[in-house]
Amino acid sequence: MTREDMLAGLLAQATSEGGDLVTLRAIVEESSEIGAGRVLQRLGLADEGAQDDIDELRELLRAWRDAKASAWKAAIEWTVRGVLALLLIGIAVRLGMPGLLK
């Protein structure tokens, strides 16, 4: 019996006998499972290799985030070094030490 058949049977039961709480919960559960299956099918994630694909995408995303964080960190470090170098040059000029700049 497929999920669609199960859902059709539950709906028929609810129509004929009235919708008690257990039947309504079963209807919601079955319809949720069918809907989730359809979404996974449409996204192309219903096959056996889907979990591996998702794991690989997560790994790529993690690597991208790490690379982005490293790039920002390097840019900030180089900016700070540049500002400090300019500050030292300014101090040397101010103190009249042009020989240090050659």
PDB file of N, CA and C in Angstrom:
ATOM      1  N   MET A   1       0.848  -1.179   0.000  1.00  0.00           N
ATOM      2  CA  MET A   1       0.000   0.000   0.000  1.00  0.00           C
ATOM      3  C   MET A   1       0.891   1.239   0.000  1.00  0.00           C
ATOM      4  N   THR A   2       0.651   2.126  -0.915  1.00  0.00           N
ATOM      5  CA  THR A   2       1.447   3.348  -1.001  1.00  0.00           C
ATOM      6  C   THR A   2       0.919   4.386  -0.017  1.00  0.00           C
ATOM      7  N   ARG A   3       1.701   5.421   0.141  1.00  0.00           N
ATOM      8  CA  ARG A   3       1.284   6.495   1.050  1.00  0.00           C
ATOM      9  C   ARG A   3       0.011   7.180   0.541  1.00  0.00           C
ATOM     10  N   GLU A   4      -0.089   7.324  -0.769  1.00  0.00           N
ATOM     11  CA  GLU A   4      -1.280   7.949  -1.344  1.00  0.00           C
ATOM     12  C   GLU A   4      -2.528   7.116  -1.062  1.00  0.00           C
ATOM     13  N   ASP A   5      -2.377   5.775  -1.157  1.00  0.00           N
ATOM     14  CA  ASP A   5      -3.501   4.890  -0.851  1.00  0.00           C
ATOM     15  C   ASP A   5      -3.879   4.985   0.630  1.00  0.00           C
ATOM     16  N   MET A   6      -2.862   5.042   1.482  1.00  0.00           N
ATOM     17  CA  MET A   6      -3.099   5.162   2.923  1.00  0.00           C
ATOM     18  C   MET A   6      -3.842   6.460   3.219  1.00  0.00           C
ATOM     19  N   LEU A   7      -3.423   7.547   2.603  1.00  0.00           N
ATOM     20  CA  LEU A   7      -4.073   8.829   2.828  1.00  0.00           C
ATOM     21  C   LEU A   7      -5.514   8.807   2.325  1.00  0.00           C
ATOM     22  N   ALA A   8      -5.733   8.215   1.161  1.00  0.00           N
ATOM     23  CA  ALA A   8      -7.096   8.119   0.634  1.00  0.00           C
ATOM     24  C   ALA A   8      -7.975   7.300   1.570  1.00  0.00           C
ATOM     25  N   GLY A   9      -7.455   6.217   2.122  1.00  0.00           N
ATOM     26  CA  GLY A   9      -8.221   5.400   3.069  1.00  0.00           C
ATOM     27  C   GLY A   9      -8.546   6.159   4.342  1.00  0.00           C
ATOM     28  N   LEU A  10      -7.574   6.912   4.843  1.00  0.00           N
ATOM     29  CA  LEU A  10      -7.811   7.700   6.055  1.00  0.00           C
ATOM     30  C   LEU A  10      -8.855   8.787   5.814  1.00  0.00           C
ATOM     31  N   LEU A  11      -8.802   9.414   4.650  1.00  0.00           N
ATOM     32  CA  LEU A  11      -9.804  10.440   4.334  1.00  0.00           C
ATOM     33  C   LEU A  11     -11.188   9.825   4.205  1.00  0.00           C
ATOM     34  N   ALA A  12     -11.265   8.635   3.597  1.00  0.00           N
ATOM     35  CA  ALA A  12     -12.562   7.950   3.488  1.00  0.00           C
ATOM     36  C   ALA A  12     -13.077   7.585   4.873  1.00  0.00           C
ATOM     37  N   GLN A  13     -12.188   7.121   5.745  1.00  0.00           N
ATOM     38  CA  GLN A  13     -12.585   6.776   7.117  1.00  0.00           C
ATOM     39  C   GLN A  13     -13.073   8.008   7.862  1.00  0.00           C
ATOM     40  N   ALA A  14     -12.367   9.110   7.707  1.00  0.00           N
ATOM     41  CA  ALA A  14     -12.773  10.337   8.387  1.00  0.00           C
ATOM     42  C   ALA A  14     -14.121  10.832   7.875  1.00  0.00           C
ATOM     43  N   THR A  15     -14.378  10.643   6.587  1.00  0.00           N
ATOM     44  CA  THR A  15     -15.643  11.082   6.007  1.00  0.00           C
ATOM     45  C   THR A  15     -16.798  10.214   6.498  1.00  0.00           C
ATOM     46  N   SER A  16     -16.564   8.898   6.551  1.00  0.00           N
ATOM     47  CA  SER A  16     -17.656   7.996   6.920  1.00  0.00           C
ATOM     48  C   SER A  16     -17.893   7.940   8.422  1.00  0.00           C
ATOM     49  N   GLU A  17     -16.839   7.907   9.203  1.00  0.00           N
ATOM     50  CA  GLU A  17     -16.981   7.733  10.647  1.00  0.00           C
ATOM     51  C   GLU A  17     -16.869   9.031  11.427  1.00  0.00           C
ATOM     52  N   GLY A  18     -16.487  10.077  10.782  1.00  0.00           N
ATOM     53  CA  GLY A  18     -16.229  11.320  11.509  1.00  0.00           C
ATOM     54  C   GLY A  18     -14.745  11.394  11.833  1.00  0.00           C
ATOM     55  N   GLY A  19     -14.255  12.560  12.002  1.00  0.00           N
ATOM     56  CA  GLY A  19     -12.821  12.740  12.213  1.00  0.00           C
ATOM     57  C   GLY A  19     -12.451  12.755  13.672  1.00  0.00           C
ATOM     58  N   ASP A  20     -12.108  11.585  14.227  1.00  0.00           N
ATOM     59  CA  ASP A  20     -11.604  11.586  15.593  1.00  0.00           C
ATOM     60  C   ASP A  20     -10.144  12.044  15.570  1.00  0.00           C
ATOM     61  N   LEU A  21      -9.586  12.279  16.726  1.00  0.00           N
ATOM     62  CA  LEU A  21      -8.252  12.861  16.844  1.00  0.00           C
ATOM     63  C   LEU A  21      -7.180  11.969  16.225  1.00  0.00           C
ATOM     64  N   VAL A  22      -7.271  10.664  16.438  1.00  0.00           N
ATOM     65  CA  VAL A  22      -6.270   9.742  15.905  1.00  0.00           C
ATOM     66  C   VAL A  22      -6.295   9.748  14.382  1.00  0.00           C
ATOM     67  N   THR A  23      -7.488   9.734  13.803  1.00  0.00           N
ATOM     68  CA  THR A  23      -7.606   9.743  12.347  1.00  0.00           C
ATOM     69  C   THR A  23      -7.070  11.041  11.772  1.00  0.00           C
ATOM     70  N   LEU A  24      -7.402  12.165  12.396  1.00  0.00           N
ATOM     71  CA  LEU A  24      -6.915  13.450  11.903  1.00  0.00           C
ATOM     72  C   LEU A  24      -5.395  13.559  11.994  1.00  0.00           C
ATOM     73  N   ARG A  25      -4.825  13.063  13.079  1.00  0.00           N
ATOM     74  CA  ARG A  25      -3.367  13.067  13.208  1.00  0.00           C
ATOM     75  C   ARG A  25      -2.727  12.187  12.146  1.00  0.00           C
ATOM     76  N   ALA A  26      -3.316  11.041  11.877  1.00  0.00           N
ATOM     77  CA  ALA A  26      -2.790  10.150  10.841  1.00  0.00           C
ATOM     78  C   ALA A  26      -2.874  10.805   9.473  1.00  0.00           C
ATOM     79  N   ILE A  27      -3.961  11.517   9.206  1.00  0.00           N
ATOM     80  CA  ILE A  27      -4.108  12.228   7.937  1.00  0.00           C
ATOM     81  C   ILE A  27      -3.020  13.288   7.795  1.00  0.00           C
ATOM     82  N   VAL A  28      -2.810  14.064   8.833  1.00  0.00           N
ATOM     83  CA  VAL A  28      -1.788  15.104   8.790  1.00  0.00           C
ATOM     84  C   VAL A  28      -0.405  14.487   8.596  1.00  0.00           C
ATOM     85  N   GLU A  29      -0.113  13.412   9.305  1.00  0.00           N
ATOM     86  CA  GLU A  29       1.192  12.765   9.193  1.00  0.00           C
ATOM     87  C   GLU A  29       1.424  12.215   7.784  1.00  0.00           C
ATOM     88  N   GLU A  30       0.444  11.519   7.250  1.00  0.00           N
ATOM     89  CA  GLU A  30       0.592  10.944   5.913  1.00  0.00           C
ATOM     90  C   GLU A  30       0.705  12.021   4.846  1.00  0.00           C
ATOM     91  N   SER A  31      -0.111  13.068   4.959  1.00  0.00           N
ATOM     92  CA  SER A  31      -0.035  14.136   3.956  1.00  0.00           C
ATOM     93  C   SER A  31       1.295  14.884   4.065  1.00  0.00           C
ATOM     94  N   SER A  32       1.819  15.023   5.268  1.00  0.00           N
ATOM     95  CA  SER A  32       3.133  15.661   5.443  1.00  0.00           C
ATOM     96  C   SER A  32       4.231  14.825   4.809  1.00  0.00           C
ATOM     97  N   GLU A  33       4.180  13.515   5.015  1.00  0.00           N
ATOM     98  CA  GLU A  33       5.171  12.624   4.415  1.00  0.00           C
ATOM     99  C   GLU A  33       5.105  12.671   2.888  1.00  0.00           C
ATOM    100  N   ILE A  34       3.898  12.671   2.343  1.00  0.00           N
ATOM    101  CA  ILE A  34       3.747  12.740   0.884  1.00  0.00           C
ATOM    102  C   ILE A  34       4.283  14.070   0.364  1.00  0.00           C
ATOM    103  N   GLY A  35       3.949  15.152   1.048  1.00  0.00           N
ATOM    104  CA  GLY A  35       4.438  16.477   0.630  1.00  0.00           C
ATOM    105  C   GLY A  35       5.946  16.582   0.702  1.00  0.00           C
ATOM    106  N   ALA A  36       6.537  16.055   1.772  1.00  0.00           N
ATOM    107  CA  ALA A  36       7.996  16.091   1.891  1.00  0.00           C
ATOM    108  C   ALA A  36       8.649  15.263   0.791  1.00  0.00           C
ATOM    109  N   GLY A  37       8.064  14.126   0.483  1.00  0.00           N
ATOM    110  CA  GLY A  37       8.589  13.291  -0.600  1.00  0.00           C
ATOM    111  C   GLY A  37       8.531  14.003  -1.944  1.00  0.00           C
ATOM    112  N   ARG A  38       7.443  14.707  -2.189  1.00  0.00           N
ATOM    113  CA  ARG A  38       7.307  15.453  -3.452  1.00  0.00           C
ATOM    114  C   ARG A  38       8.342  16.568  -3.548  1.00  0.00           C
ATOM    115  N   VAL A  39       8.548  17.259  -2.444  1.00  0.00           N
ATOM    116  CA  VAL A  39       9.543  18.342  -2.441  1.00  0.00           C
ATOM    117  C   VAL A  39      10.931  17.786  -2.716  1.00  0.00           C
ATOM    118  N   LEU A  40      11.288  16.705  -2.044  1.00  0.00           N
ATOM    119  CA  LEU A  40      12.602  16.096  -2.270  1.00  0.00           C
ATOM    120  C   LEU A  40      12.740  15.627  -3.714  1.00  0.00           C
ATOM    121  N   GLN A  41      11.670  15.077  -4.266  1.00  0.00           N
ATOM    122  CA  GLN A  41      11.694  14.629  -5.661  1.00  0.00           C
ATOM    123  C   GLN A  41      11.911  15.801  -6.608  1.00  0.00           C
ATOM    124  N   ARG A  42      11.216  16.898  -6.376  1.00  0.00           N
ATOM    125  CA  ARG A  42      11.350  18.077  -7.232  1.00  0.00           C
ATOM    126  C   ARG A  42      12.735  18.701  -7.132  1.00  0.00           C
ATOM    127  N   LEU A  43      13.340  18.606  -5.955  1.00  0.00           N
ATOM    128  CA  LEU A  43      14.682  19.152  -5.771  1.00  0.00           C
ATOM    129  C   LEU A  43      15.777  18.206  -6.256  1.00  0.00           C
ATOM    130  N   GLY A  44      15.369  17.008  -6.630  1.00  0.00           N
ATOM    131  CA  GLY A  44      16.341  16.028  -7.095  1.00  0.00           C
ATOM    132  C   GLY A  44      17.106  15.368  -5.960  1.00  0.00           C
ATOM    133  N   LEU A  45      16.513  15.332  -4.793  1.00  0.00           N
ATOM    134  CA  LEU A  45      17.174  14.777  -3.617  1.00  0.00           C
ATOM    135  C   LEU A  45      16.506  13.505  -3.105  1.00  0.00           C
ATOM    136  N   ALA A  46      15.801  12.809  -3.989  1.00  0.00           N
ATOM    137  CA  ALA A  46      15.089  11.611  -3.560  1.00  0.00           C
ATOM    138  C   ALA A  46      15.864  10.337  -3.878  1.00  0.00           C
ATOM    139  N   ASP A  47      17.045  10.458  -4.476  1.00  0.00           N
ATOM    140  CA  ASP A  47      17.793   9.269  -4.847  1.00  0.00           C
ATOM    141  C   ASP A  47      18.720   8.826  -3.713  1.00  0.00           C
ATOM    142  N   GLU A  48      19.442   7.744  -3.945  1.00  0.00           N
ATOM    143  CA  GLU A  48      20.310   7.167  -2.917  1.00  0.00           C
ATOM    144  C   GLU A  48      21.518   8.046  -2.606  1.00  0.00           C
ATOM    145  N   GLY A  49      22.001   8.797  -3.589  1.00  0.00           N
ATOM    146  CA  GLY A  49      23.190   9.618  -3.387  1.00  0.00           C
ATOM    147  C   GLY A  49      22.904  11.000  -2.853  1.00  0.00           C
ATOM    148  N   ALA A  50      21.663  11.267  -2.492  1.00  0.00           N
ATOM    149  CA  ALA A  50      21.283  12.614  -2.051  1.00  0.00           C
ATOM    150  C   ALA A  50      22.007  13.020  -0.771  1.00  0.00           C
ATOM    151  N   GLN A  51      22.142  12.104   0.167  1.00  0.00           N
ATOM    152  CA  GLN A  51      22.805  12.443   1.425  1.00  0.00           C
ATOM    153  C   GLN A  51      24.265  12.815   1.179  1.00  0.00           C
ATOM    154  N   ASP A  52      24.924  12.081   0.267  1.00  0.00           N
ATOM    155  CA  ASP A  52      26.304  12.413  -0.068  1.00  0.00           C
ATOM    156  C   ASP A  52      26.398  13.785  -0.725  1.00  0.00           C
ATOM    157  N   ASP A  53      25.417  14.099  -1.577  1.00  0.00           N
ATOM    158  CA  ASP A  53      25.390  15.410  -2.225  1.00  0.00           C
ATOM    159  C   ASP A  53      25.236  16.531  -1.200  1.00  0.00           C
ATOM    160  N   ILE A  54      24.334  16.340  -0.266  1.00  0.00           N
ATOM    161  CA  ILE A  54      24.109  17.348   0.776  1.00  0.00           C
ATOM    162  C   ILE A  54      25.364  17.504   1.633  1.00  0.00           C
ATOM    163  N   ASP A  55      25.998  16.388   1.994  1.00  0.00           N
ATOM    164  CA  ASP A  55      27.228  16.455   2.789  1.00  0.00           C
ATOM    165  C   ASP A  55      28.325  17.211   2.052  1.00  0.00           C
ATOM    166  N   GLU A  56      28.433  16.957   0.739  1.00  0.00           N
ATOM    167  CA  GLU A  56      29.448  17.639  -0.056  1.00  0.00           C
ATOM    168  C   GLU A  56      29.155  19.131  -0.165  1.00  0.00           C
ATOM    169  N   LEU A  57      27.879  19.486  -0.332  1.00  0.00           N
ATOM    170  CA  LEU A  57      27.518  20.903  -0.389  1.00  0.00           C
ATOM    171  C   LEU A  57      27.808  21.606   0.936  1.00  0.00           C
ATOM    172  N   ARG A  58      27.555  20.925   2.041  1.00  0.00           N
ATOM    173  CA  ARG A  58      27.855  21.514   3.349  1.00  0.00           C
ATOM    174  C   ARG A  58      29.352  21.708   3.523  1.00  0.00           C
ATOM    175  N   GLU A  59      30.132  20.744   3.045  1.00  0.00           N
ATOM    176  CA  GLU A  59      31.578  20.847   3.121  1.00  0.00           C
ATOM    177  C   GLU A  59      32.085  22.023   2.283  1.00  0.00           C
ATOM    178  N   LEU A  60      31.536  22.178   1.075  1.00  0.00           N
ATOM    179  CA  LEU A  60      31.913  23.303   0.228  1.00  0.00           C
ATOM    180  C   LEU A  60      31.534  24.635   0.867  1.00  0.00           C
ATOM    181  N   LEU A  61      30.358  24.696   1.466  1.00  0.00           N
ATOM    182  CA  LEU A  61      29.922  25.920   2.120  1.00  0.00           C
ATOM    183  C   LEU A  61      30.820  26.254   3.307  1.00  0.00           C
ATOM    184  N   ARG A  62      31.189  25.248   4.079  1.00  0.00           N
ATOM    185  CA  ARG A  62      32.089  25.450   5.217  1.00  0.00           C
ATOM    186  C   ARG A  62      33.449  25.959   4.731  1.00  0.00           C
ATOM    187  N   ALA A  63      33.965  25.367   3.636  1.00  0.00           N
ATOM    188  CA  ALA A  63      35.245  25.808   3.082  1.00  0.00           C
ATOM    189  C   ALA A  63      35.159  27.247   2.585  1.00  0.00           C
ATOM    190  N   TRP A  64      34.044  27.590   1.942  1.00  0.00           N
ATOM    191  CA  TRP A  64      33.854  28.956   1.459  1.00  0.00           C
ATOM    192  C   TRP A  64      33.840  29.944   2.621  1.00  0.00           C
ATOM    193  N   ARG A  65      33.137  29.597   3.676  1.00  0.00           N
ATOM    194  CA  ARG A  65      33.079  30.486   4.844  1.00  0.00           C
ATOM    195  C   ARG A  65      34.447  30.640   5.485  1.00  0.00           C
ATOM    196  N   ASP A  66      35.198  29.547   5.573  1.00  0.00           N
ATOM    197  CA  ASP A  66      36.547  29.609   6.141  1.00  0.00           C
ATOM    198  C   ASP A  66      37.456  30.486   5.276  1.00  0.00           C
ATOM    199  N   ALA A  67      37.370  30.324   3.957  1.00  0.00           N
ATOM    200  CA  ALA A  67      38.191  31.124   3.046  1.00  0.00           C
ATOM    201  C   ALA A  67      37.831  32.605   3.143  1.00  0.00           C
ATOM    202  N   LYS A  68      36.533  32.881   3.235  1.00  0.00           N
ATOM    203  CA  LYS A  68      36.082  34.268   3.343  1.00  0.00           C
ATOM    204  C   LYS A  68      36.582  34.897   4.642  1.00  0.00           C
ATOM    205  N   ALA A  69      36.506  34.143   5.735  1.00  0.00           N
ATOM    206  CA  ALA A  69      36.980  34.653   7.024  1.00  0.00           C
ATOM    207  C   ALA A  69      38.494  34.880   6.985  1.00  0.00           C
ATOM    208  N   SER A  70      39.225  33.974   6.365  1.00  0.00           N
ATOM    209  CA  SER A  70      40.671  34.128   6.254  1.00  0.00           C
ATOM    210  C   SER A  70      41.035  35.341   5.404  1.00  0.00           C
ATOM    211  N   ALA A  71      40.309  35.561   4.333  1.00  0.00           N
ATOM    212  CA  ALA A  71      40.570  36.714   3.468  1.00  0.00           C
ATOM    213  C   ALA A  71      40.332  38.017   4.221  1.00  0.00           C
ATOM    214  N   TRP A  72      39.248  38.095   4.965  1.00  0.00           N
ATOM    215  CA  TRP A  72      38.972  39.306   5.748  1.00  0.00           C
ATOM    216  C   TRP A  72      40.051  39.523   6.797  1.00  0.00           C
ATOM    217  N   LYS A  73      40.441  38.449   7.458  1.00  0.00           N
ATOM    218  CA  LYS A  73      41.473  38.552   8.488  1.00  0.00           C
ATOM    219  C   LYS A  73      42.779  39.048   7.890  1.00  0.00           C
ATOM    220  N   ALA A  74      43.176  38.498   6.733  1.00  0.00           N
ATOM    221  CA  ALA A  74      44.408  38.931   6.068  1.00  0.00           C
ATOM    222  C   ALA A  74      44.318  40.387   5.636  1.00  0.00           C
ATOM    223  N   ALA A  75      43.177  40.795   5.105  1.00  0.00           N
ATOM    224  CA  ALA A  75      43.011  42.187   4.673  1.00  0.00           C
ATOM    225  C   ALA A  75      43.127  43.144   5.855  1.00  0.00           C
ATOM    226  N   ILE A  76      42.540  42.780   6.957  1.00  0.00           N
ATOM    227  CA  ILE A  76      42.619  43.637   8.153  1.00  0.00           C
ATOM    228  C   ILE A  76      44.049  43.694   8.669  1.00  0.00           C
ATOM    229  N   GLU A  77      44.736  42.537   8.691  1.00  0.00           N
ATOM    230  CA  GLU A  77      46.121  42.523   9.151  1.00  0.00           C
ATOM    231  C   GLU A  77      47.009  43.400   8.279  1.00  0.00           C
ATOM    232  N   TRP A  78      46.855  43.321   6.953  1.00  0.00           N
ATOM    233  CA  TRP A  78      47.676  44.136   6.053  1.00  0.00           C
ATOM    234  C   TRP A  78      47.335  45.616   6.190  1.00  0.00           C
ATOM    235  N   THR A  79      46.092  45.930   6.420  1.00  0.00           N
ATOM    236  CA  THR A  79      45.700  47.325   6.621  1.00  0.00           C
ATOM    237  C   THR A  79      46.334  47.878   7.892  1.00  0.00           C
ATOM    238  N   VAL A  80      46.286  47.103   8.961  1.00  0.00           N
ATOM    239  CA  VAL A  80      46.901  47.536  10.224  1.00  0.00           C
ATOM    240  C   VAL A  80      48.407  47.702  10.043  1.00  0.00           C
ATOM    241  N   ARG A  81      49.057  46.770   9.363  1.00  0.00           N
ATOM    242  CA  ARG A  81      50.503  46.879   9.123  1.00  0.00           C
ATOM    243  C   ARG A  81      50.821  48.136   8.306  1.00  0.00           C
ATOM    244  N   GLY A  82      50.013  48.426   7.303  1.00  0.00           N
ATOM    245  CA  GLY A  82      50.233  49.619   6.490  1.00  0.00           C
ATOM    246  C   GLY A  82      50.088  50.888   7.305  1.00  0.00           C
ATOM    247  N   VAL A  83      49.056  50.941   8.140  1.00  0.00           N
ATOM    248  CA  VAL A  83      48.840  52.117   8.984  1.00  0.00           C
ATOM    249  C   VAL A  83      49.996  52.282   9.959  1.00  0.00           C
ATOM    250  N   LEU A  84      50.461  51.182  10.553  1.00  0.00           N
ATOM    251  CA  LEU A  84      51.595  51.268  11.481  1.00  0.00           C
ATOM    252  C   LEU A  84      52.870  51.694  10.767  1.00  0.00           C
ATOM    253  N   ALA A  85      53.094  51.209   9.539  1.00  0.00           N
ATOM    254  CA  ALA A  85      54.275  51.622   8.769  1.00  0.00           C
ATOM    255  C   ALA A  85      54.212  53.113   8.466  1.00  0.00           C
ATOM    256  N   LEU A  86      53.048  53.595   8.057  1.00  0.00           N
ATOM    257  CA  LEU A  86      52.899  55.031   7.801  1.00  0.00           C
ATOM    258  C   LEU A  86      53.108  55.843   9.074  1.00  0.00           C
ATOM    259  N   LEU A  87      52.644  55.334  10.195  1.00  0.00           N
ATOM    260  CA  LEU A  87      52.830  56.015  11.476  1.00  0.00           C
ATOM    261  C   LEU A  87      54.316  56.096  11.825  1.00  0.00           C
ATOM    262  N   LEU A  88      55.043  55.006  11.624  1.00  0.00           N
ATOM    263  CA  LEU A  88      56.481  55.014  11.905  1.00  0.00           C
ATOM    264  C   LEU A  88      57.224  55.963  10.973  1.00  0.00           C
ATOM    265  N   ILE A  89      56.834  55.989   9.714  1.00  0.00           N
ATOM    266  CA  ILE A  89      57.459  56.921   8.769  1.00  0.00           C
ATOM    267  C   ILE A  89      57.173  58.360   9.197  1.00  0.00           C
ATOM    268  N   GLY A  90      55.947  58.631   9.603  1.00  0.00           N
ATOM    269  CA  GLY A  90      55.587  59.968  10.077  1.00  0.00           C
ATOM    270  C   GLY A  90      56.373  60.373  11.303  1.00  0.00           C
ATOM    271  N   ILE A  91      56.561  59.438  12.218  1.00  0.00           N
ATOM    272  CA  ILE A  91      57.352  59.730  13.421  1.00  0.00           C
ATOM    273  C   ILE A  91      58.804  60.001  13.040  1.00  0.00           C
ATOM    274  N   ALA A  92      59.352  59.217  12.123  1.00  0.00           N
ATOM    275  CA  ALA A  92      60.740  59.408  11.704  1.00  0.00           C
ATOM    276  C   ALA A  92      60.924  60.773  11.037  1.00  0.00           C
ATOM    277  N   VAL A  93      59.988  61.169  10.193  1.00  0.00           N
ATOM    278  CA  VAL A  93      60.074  62.470   9.538  1.00  0.00           C
ATOM    279  C   VAL A  93      59.936  63.575  10.568  1.00  0.00           C
ATOM    280  N   ARG A  94      59.027  63.401  11.480  1.00  0.00           N
ATOM    281  CA  ARG A  94      58.774  64.421  12.508  1.00  0.00           C
ATOM    282  C   ARG A  94      59.995  64.625  13.415  1.00  0.00           C
ATOM    283  N   LEU A  95      60.694  63.542  13.700  1.00  0.00           N
ATOM    284  CA  LEU A  95      61.866  63.635  14.570  1.00  0.00           C
ATOM    285  C   LEU A  95      63.124  64.029  13.793  1.00  0.00           C
ATOM    286  N   GLY A  96      62.984  64.192  12.512  1.00  0.00           N
ATOM    287  CA  GLY A  96      64.108  64.647  11.703  1.00  0.00           C
ATOM    288  C   GLY A  96      65.126  63.551  11.453  1.00  0.00           C
ATOM    289  N   MET A  97      64.670  62.380  11.214  1.00  0.00           N
ATOM    290  CA  MET A  97      65.551  61.250  10.932  1.00  0.00           C
ATOM    291  C   MET A  97      65.357  60.768   9.494  1.00  0.00           C
ATOM    292  N   PRO A  98      65.687  61.599   8.521  1.00  0.00           N
ATOM    293  CA  PRO A  98      65.473  61.173   7.136  1.00  0.00           C
ATOM    294  C   PRO A  98      66.419  60.060   6.717  1.00  0.00           C
ATOM    295  N   GLY A  99      67.506  59.874   7.435  1.00  0.00           N
ATOM    296  CA  GLY A  99      68.440  58.793   7.113  1.00  0.00           C
ATOM    297  C   GLY A  99      67.818  57.420   7.303  1.00  0.00           C
ATOM    298  N   LEU A 100      66.826  57.305   8.145  1.00  0.00           N
ATOM    299  CA  LEU A 100      66.148  56.037   8.378  1.00  0.00           C
ATOM    300  C   LEU A 100      65.259  55.655   7.200  1.00  0.00           C
ATOM    301  N   LEU A 101      64.872  56.641   6.392  1.00  0.00           N
ATOM    302  CA  LEU A 101      63.964  56.387   5.290  1.00  0.00           C
ATOM    303  C   LEU A 101      64.691  55.975   4.020  1.00  0.00           C
ATOM    304  N   LYS A 102      66.018  56.023   4.009  1.00  0.00           N
ATOM    305  CA  LYS A 102      66.763  55.671   2.795  1.00  0.00           C
ATOM    306  C   LYS A 102      67.075  54.222   2.745  1.00  0.00           C
TER     307      LYS A 102
END
